[in-house]
C-alpha atoms as a PDB file:
ATOM      1  CA  MET A   1      -7.137 -11.374  -7.393  1.00  0.00           C
ATOM      2  CA  LEU A   2      -4.101 -12.358 -10.354  1.00  0.00           C
ATOM      3  CA  LYS A   3      -4.805  -9.405 -12.002  1.00  0.00           C
ATOM      4  CA  LYS A   4      -4.180  -6.958  -8.722  1.00  0.00           C
ATOM      5  CA  ALA A   5      -0.910  -8.894  -7.855  1.00  0.00           C
ATOM      6  CA  LEU A   6       0.571  -8.383 -11.286  1.00  0.00           C
ATOM      7  CA  PHE A   7      -0.087  -4.714 -11.396  1.00  0.00           C
ATOM      8  CA  PHE A   8       0.995  -4.203  -7.685  1.00  0.00           C
ATOM      9  CA  ILE A   9       4.356  -5.989  -8.988  1.00  0.00           C
ATOM     10  CA  ALA A  10       4.268  -3.992 -11.898  1.00  0.00           C
ATOM     11  CA  TRP A  11       4.173  -1.018  -9.872  1.00  0.00           C
ATOM     12  CA  ILE A  12       6.791  -1.806  -7.655  1.00  0.00           C
ATOM     13  CA  GLY A  13       8.978  -2.590 -10.888  1.00  0.00           C
ATOM     14  CA  ILE A  14       8.625   1.190 -12.024  1.00  0.00           C
ATOM     15  CA  PHE A  15       9.223   2.470  -8.732  1.00  0.00           C
ATOM     16  CA  ILE A  16      12.150   0.663  -8.648  1.00  0.00           C
ATOM     17  CA  ILE A  17      13.289   1.526 -12.033  1.00  0.00           C
ATOM     18  CA  SER A  18      12.372   5.479 -11.336  1.00  0.00           C
ATOM     19  CA  ILE A  19      14.882   5.139  -8.467  1.00  0.00           C
ATOM     20  CA  ILE A  20      17.533   3.705 -10.470  1.00  0.00           C
ATOM     21  CA  GLY A  21      16.918   5.953 -13.201  1.00  0.00           C
ATOM     22  CA  ILE A  22      17.288   9.180 -10.878  1.00  0.00           C
ATOM     23  CA  ILE A  23      20.411   7.596  -9.298  1.00  0.00           C
ATOM     24  CA  PHE A  24      21.917   7.166 -12.900  1.00  0.00           C
ATOM     25  CA  SER A  25      21.076  10.509 -13.772  1.00  0.00           C
ATOM     26  CA  ILE A  26      22.561  12.202 -11.002  1.00  0.00           C
ATOM     27  CA  HIS A  27      25.807  10.158 -11.152  1.00  0.00           C
ATOM     28  CA  PRO A  28      26.372   8.234 -14.231  1.00  0.00           C
ATOM     29  CA  LEU A  29      28.319   5.208 -14.548  1.00  0.00           C
ATOM     30  CA  ASP A  30      31.292   7.042 -16.815  1.00  0.00           C
ATOM     31  CA  ASN A  31      31.481   9.552 -13.326  1.00  0.00           C
ATOM     32  CA  ARG A  32      30.843  12.735 -15.318  1.00  0.00           C
ATOM     33  CA  LEU A  33      29.365  15.319 -13.015  1.00  0.00           C
ATOM     34  CA  PHE A  34      25.810  16.262 -13.640  1.00  0.00           C
ATOM     35  CA  PHE A  35      26.132  19.779 -13.040  1.00  0.00           C
ATOM     36  CA  THR A  36      28.807  21.886 -15.260  1.00  0.00           C
ATOM     37  CA  TYR A  37      28.813  25.407 -16.830  1.00  0.00           C
ATOM     38  CA  THR A  38      28.290  23.875 -20.358  1.00  0.00           C
ATOM     39  CA  ILE A  39      25.350  21.126 -21.516  1.00  0.00           C
ATOM     40  CA  GLY A  40      26.693  19.057 -23.812  1.00  0.00           C
ATOM     41  CA  GLU A  41      24.462  16.617 -26.129  1.00  0.00           C
ATOM     42  CA  SER A  42      25.594  13.690 -24.175  1.00  0.00           C
ATOM     43  CA  GLN A  43      24.377  15.620 -20.944  1.00  0.00           C
ATOM     44  CA  GLN A  44      21.026  16.195 -22.234  1.00  0.00           C
ATOM     45  CA  ILE A  45      20.189  12.917 -22.539  1.00  0.00           C
ATOM     46  CA  TYR A  46      21.076  12.541 -18.596  1.00  0.00           C
ATOM     47  CA  VAL A  47      18.578  15.607 -17.918  1.00  0.00           C
ATOM     48  CA  VAL A  48      15.722  13.959 -19.976  1.00  0.00           C
ATOM     49  CA  PHE A  49      16.363  10.862 -18.586  1.00  0.00           C
ATOM     50  CA  LEU A  50      16.212  12.227 -14.872  1.00  0.00           C
ATOM     51  CA  VAL A  51      12.766  14.005 -15.904  1.00  0.00           C
ATOM     52  CA  VAL A  52      11.233  11.117 -17.155  1.00  0.00           C
ATOM     53  CA  SER A  53      12.710   8.898 -14.055  1.00  0.00           C
ATOM     54  CA  ILE A  54      11.004  11.633 -11.214  1.00  0.00           C
ATOM     55  CA  ILE A  55       7.934  11.657 -13.418  1.00  0.00           C
ATOM     56  CA  TYR A  56       7.753   7.836 -12.993  1.00  0.00           C
ATOM     57  CA  PHE A  57       8.827   8.480  -9.477  1.00  0.00           C
ATOM     58  CA  ILE A  58       5.725  10.781  -8.568  1.00  0.00           C
ATOM     59  CA  LEU A  59       3.509   8.488 -10.256  1.00  0.00           C
ATOM     60  CA  SER A  60       4.212   5.335  -8.362  1.00  0.00           C
ATOM     61  CA  LEU A  61       4.076   7.495  -5.029  1.00  0.00           C
ATOM     62  CA  MET A  62       0.472   8.721  -5.934  1.00  0.00           C
ATOM     63  CA  LYS A  63      -0.321   5.098  -6.557  1.00  0.00           C
ATOM     64  CA  PHE A  64       0.947   3.445  -3.487  1.00  0.00           C
ATOM     65  CA  MET A  65      -0.840   6.529  -1.622  1.00  0.00           C
ATOM     66  CA  SER A  66      -4.132   5.316  -3.373  1.00  0.00           C
ATOM     67  CA  LEU A  67      -3.907   1.915  -2.323  1.00  0.00           C
ATOM     68  CA  PHE A  68      -3.894   2.675   1.202  1.00  0.00           C
ATOM     69  CA  LYS A  69      -6.903   5.179   0.967  1.00  0.00           C
ATOM     70  CA  ARG A  70      -9.908   4.152   2.894  1.00  0.00           C
ATOM     71  CA  THR A  71     -13.170   4.108   1.184  1.00  0.00           C
ATOM     72  CA  ASN A  72     -16.036   6.604   3.118  1.00  0.00           C
ATOM     73  CA  GLY A  73     -18.809   4.176   3.325  1.00  0.00           C
ATOM     74  CA  TYR A  74     -19.598   0.877   2.154  1.00  0.00           C
ATOM     75  CA  LEU A  75     -19.431  -0.417  -1.259  1.00  0.00           C
ATOM     76  CA  ILE A  76     -22.059  -2.852  -2.583  1.00  0.00           C
ATOM     77  CA  ASP A  77     -21.455  -5.194  -5.791  1.00  0.00           C
ATOM     78  CA  GLY A  78     -24.310  -5.656  -7.558  1.00  0.00           C
ATOM     79  CA  PRO A  79     -25.057  -7.526 -11.229  1.00  0.00           C
ATOM     80  CA  ASN A  80     -25.158  -3.858 -12.936  1.00  0.00           C
ATOM     81  CA  GLY A  81     -21.820  -2.657 -11.208  1.00  0.00           C
ATOM     82  CA  GLU A  82     -20.601  -1.163  -7.836  1.00  0.00           C
ATOM     83  CA  VAL A  83     -22.366   1.136  -5.550  1.00  0.00           C
ATOM     84  CA  LEU A  84     -20.984   3.243  -2.733  1.00  0.00           C
ATOM     85  CA  VAL A  85     -23.594   3.633   0.127  1.00  0.00           C
ATOM     86  CA  SER A  86     -21.852   6.778   2.253  1.00  0.00           C
ATOM     87  CA  THR A  87     -21.634   6.340   6.039  1.00  0.00           C
ATOM     88  CA  GLU A  88     -24.125   9.376   6.540  1.00  0.00           C
ATOM     89  CA  SER A  89     -26.533   7.105   4.602  1.00  0.00           C
ATOM     90  CA  ILE A  90     -26.281   4.448   7.210  1.00  0.00           C
ATOM     91  CA  ARG A  91     -26.258   6.410  10.224  1.00  0.00           C
ATOM     92  CA  SER A  92     -29.626   7.978   8.609  1.00  0.00           C
ATOM     93  CA  ILE A  93     -31.171   4.196   8.646  1.00  0.00           C
ATOM     94  CA  ILE A  94     -30.136   3.177  11.752  1.00  0.00           C
ATOM     95  CA  LYS A  95     -31.517   6.502  13.001  1.00  0.00           C
ATOM     96  CA  GLU A  96     -34.687   5.842  11.110  1.00  0.00           C
ATOM     97  CA  ALA A  97     -35.119   2.173  12.973  1.00  0.00           C
ATOM     98  CA  LEU A  98     -34.454   3.242  16.437  1.00  0.00           C
ATOM     99  CA  GLU A  99     -36.690   6.869  16.209  1.00  0.00           C
ATOM    100  CA  SER A 100     -39.704   4.746  16.884  1.00  0.00           C
ATOM    101  CA  ASP A 101     -38.373   3.228  19.973  1.00  0.00           C
ATOM    102  CA  GLY A 102     -39.539   5.893  22.914  1.00  0.00           C
ATOM    103  CA  GLU A 103     -37.097   3.954  25.430  1.00  0.00           C
ATOM    104  CA  VAL A 104     -33.693   5.167  23.220  1.00  0.00           C
ATOM    105  CA  LYS A 105     -32.871   8.942  23.515  1.00  0.00           C
ATOM    106  CA  ASN A 106     -29.859  11.176  22.644  1.00  0.00           C
ATOM    107  CA  LEU A 107     -28.892   8.602  19.820  1.00  0.00           C
ATOM    108  CA  LYS A 108     -25.154   9.393  18.355  1.00  0.00           C
ATOM    109  CA  ILE A 109     -23.754   6.936  15.950  1.00  0.00           C
ATOM    110  CA  ASN A 110     -20.166   5.966  14.795  1.00  0.00           C
ATOM    111  CA  CYS A 111     -19.646   3.591  12.337  1.00  0.00           C
ATOM    112  CA  GLY A 112     -16.999   2.310   9.851  1.00  0.00           C
ATOM    113  CA  LYS A 113     -14.856  -0.570   8.590  1.00  0.00           C
ATOM    114  CA  SER A 114     -12.698  -2.131  11.210  1.00  0.00           C
ATOM    115  CA  GLY A 115     -10.733  -4.375   9.346  1.00  0.00           C
ATOM    116  CA  LYS A 116     -12.963  -6.316   6.233  1.00  0.00           C
ATOM    117  CA  LYS A 117     -15.605  -5.831   8.559  1.00  0.00           C
ATOM    118  CA  TYR A 118     -18.323  -3.259   9.485  1.00  0.00           C
ATOM    119  CA  LYS A 119     -18.962  -1.873  12.780  1.00  0.00           C
ATOM    120  CA  ILE A 120     -21.285   0.265  14.448  1.00  0.00           C
ATOM    121  CA  THR A 121     -21.153   2.036  18.043  1.00  0.00           C
ATOM    122  CA  LEU A 122     -24.018   3.400  19.613  1.00  0.00           C
ATOM    123  CA  TYR A 123     -24.254   6.167  22.060  1.00  0.00           C
ATOM    124  CA  ILE A 124     -27.626   6.015  23.651  1.00  0.00           C
ATOM    125  CA  ASP A 125     -29.809   7.318  26.836  1.00  0.00           C
ATOM    126  CA  LEU A 126     -31.711   4.576  27.930  1.00  0.00           C
ATOM    127  CA  HIS A 127     -35.162   5.067  29.858  1.00  0.00           C
ATOM    128  CA  THR A 128     -36.574   1.612  30.361  1.00  0.00           C
ATOM    129  CA  GLN A 129     -37.481  -0.423  33.219  1.00  0.00           C
ATOM    130  CA  ARG A 130     -36.800  -3.723  31.423  1.00  0.00           C
ATOM    131  CA  SER A 131     -33.326  -5.241  31.645  1.00  0.00           C
ATOM    132  CA  ILE A 132     -30.761  -3.764  30.016  1.00  0.00           C
ATOM    133  CA  ALA A 133     -29.257  -6.431  28.497  1.00  0.00           C
ATOM    134  CA  GLU A 134     -32.659  -7.536  27.246  1.00  0.00           C
ATOM    135  CA  LYS A 135     -32.885  -4.028  25.659  1.00  0.00           C
ATOM    136  CA  SER A 136     -29.480  -3.814  24.526  1.00  0.00           C
ATOM    137  CA  ALA A 137     -29.934  -7.199  22.442  1.00  0.00           C
ATOM    138  CA  GLU A 138     -33.044  -5.950  21.011  1.00  0.00           C
ATOM    139  CA  ILE A 139     -31.381  -3.046  19.655  1.00  0.00           C
ATOM    140  CA  GLN A 140     -28.960  -4.936  18.051  1.00  0.00           C
ATOM    141  CA  LYS A 141     -31.233  -6.773  16.632  1.00  0.00           C
ATOM    142  CA  ILE A 142     -32.865  -4.238  15.332  1.00  0.00           C
ATOM    143  CA  VAL A 143     -29.978  -2.217  13.703  1.00  0.00           C
ATOM    144  CA  LYS A 144     -28.636  -5.796  12.392  1.00  0.00           C
ATOM    145  CA  ASP A 145     -31.933  -6.562  10.636  1.00  0.00           C
ATOM    146  CA  GLU A 146     -32.645  -3.145   9.124  1.00  0.00           C
ATOM    147  CA  LEU A 147     -29.284  -2.777   7.254  1.00  0.00           C
ATOM    148  CA  PHE A 148     -29.560  -6.186   6.150  1.00  0.00           C
ATOM    149  CA  LYS A 149     -32.910  -5.702   4.847  1.00  0.00           C
ATOM    150  CA  ARG A 150     -32.192  -2.680   3.385  1.00  0.00           C
ATOM    151  CA  LEU A 151     -28.609  -2.780   2.320  1.00  0.00           C
ATOM    152  CA  GLU A 152     -27.786  -6.586   2.629  1.00  0.00           C
ATOM    153  CA  LEU A 153     -25.096  -5.044   4.979  1.00  0.00           C
ATOM    154  CA  GLU A 154     -23.475  -8.132   7.203  1.00  0.00           C
ATOM    155  CA  ILE A 155     -22.806  -6.247  10.824  1.00  0.00           C
ATOM    156  CA  SER A 156     -20.286  -7.933  12.747  1.00  0.00           C
ATOM    157  CA  VAL A 157     -20.055  -5.782  15.932  1.00  0.00           C
ATOM    158  CA  VAL A 158     -23.047  -3.574  16.850  1.00  0.00           C
ATOM    159  CA  GLU A 159     -21.666  -2.072  19.977  1.00  0.00           C
ATOM    160  CA  ILE A 160     -23.945  -0.048  22.551  1.00  0.00           C
ATOM    161  CA  LYS A 161     -22.396   2.591  25.072  1.00  0.00           C
ATOM    162  CA  ILE A 162     -25.032   3.792  27.428  1.00  0.00           C
ATOM    163  CA  SER A 163     -24.282   7.426  28.447  1.00  0.00           C
ATOM    164  CA  LYS A 164     -27.115   7.676  31.165  1.00  0.00           C
ATOM    165  CA  ILE A 165     -29.847   4.945  32.337  1.00  0.00           C
ATOM    166  CA  SER A 166     -33.293   6.357  33.749  1.00  0.00           C
ATOM    167  CA  THR A 167     -36.280   4.185  34.818  1.00  0.00           C
ATOM    168  CA  LYS A 168     -39.410   5.060  33.420  1.00  0.00           C
ATOM    169  CA  SER A 169     -42.344   5.658  35.926  1.00  0.00           C
ATOM    170  CA  GLU A 170     -45.670   4.918  34.417  1.00  0.00           C
END
């Protein structure tokens, strides 16, 4: 964590230095104009300084944008390194777990991170004679257990939205 904080402070420093370099190159301290008809040797240094400052500015902006990019999936830290499990893989595990359940139809899955926690939303049609609360608790337990068993993924929320309810006549 300390290493990440030091690198963050370093990138902020590079960003500030690049802005100061751009300002200094465009408006030098001795108030000479940057753009003149003849570029002397002293003004070539300002041009080089401006180009280097712009390059550092662009690099720091790209780094800041990558800090706020979301990963598409779930990152598992293992003893041999990191593994990124895609959201589509998580969806297929949930479909496999619920396809044998005859009471669940038209399954649609939304999943992703909500802060540091992983959240799953299931849209289903339910065809059952049992209690809806009992059946939805069972579905939530199946999903949580299956994902923990296969990926060791702790699910904070499994939200079930029932689109249609019908009773089975046997």
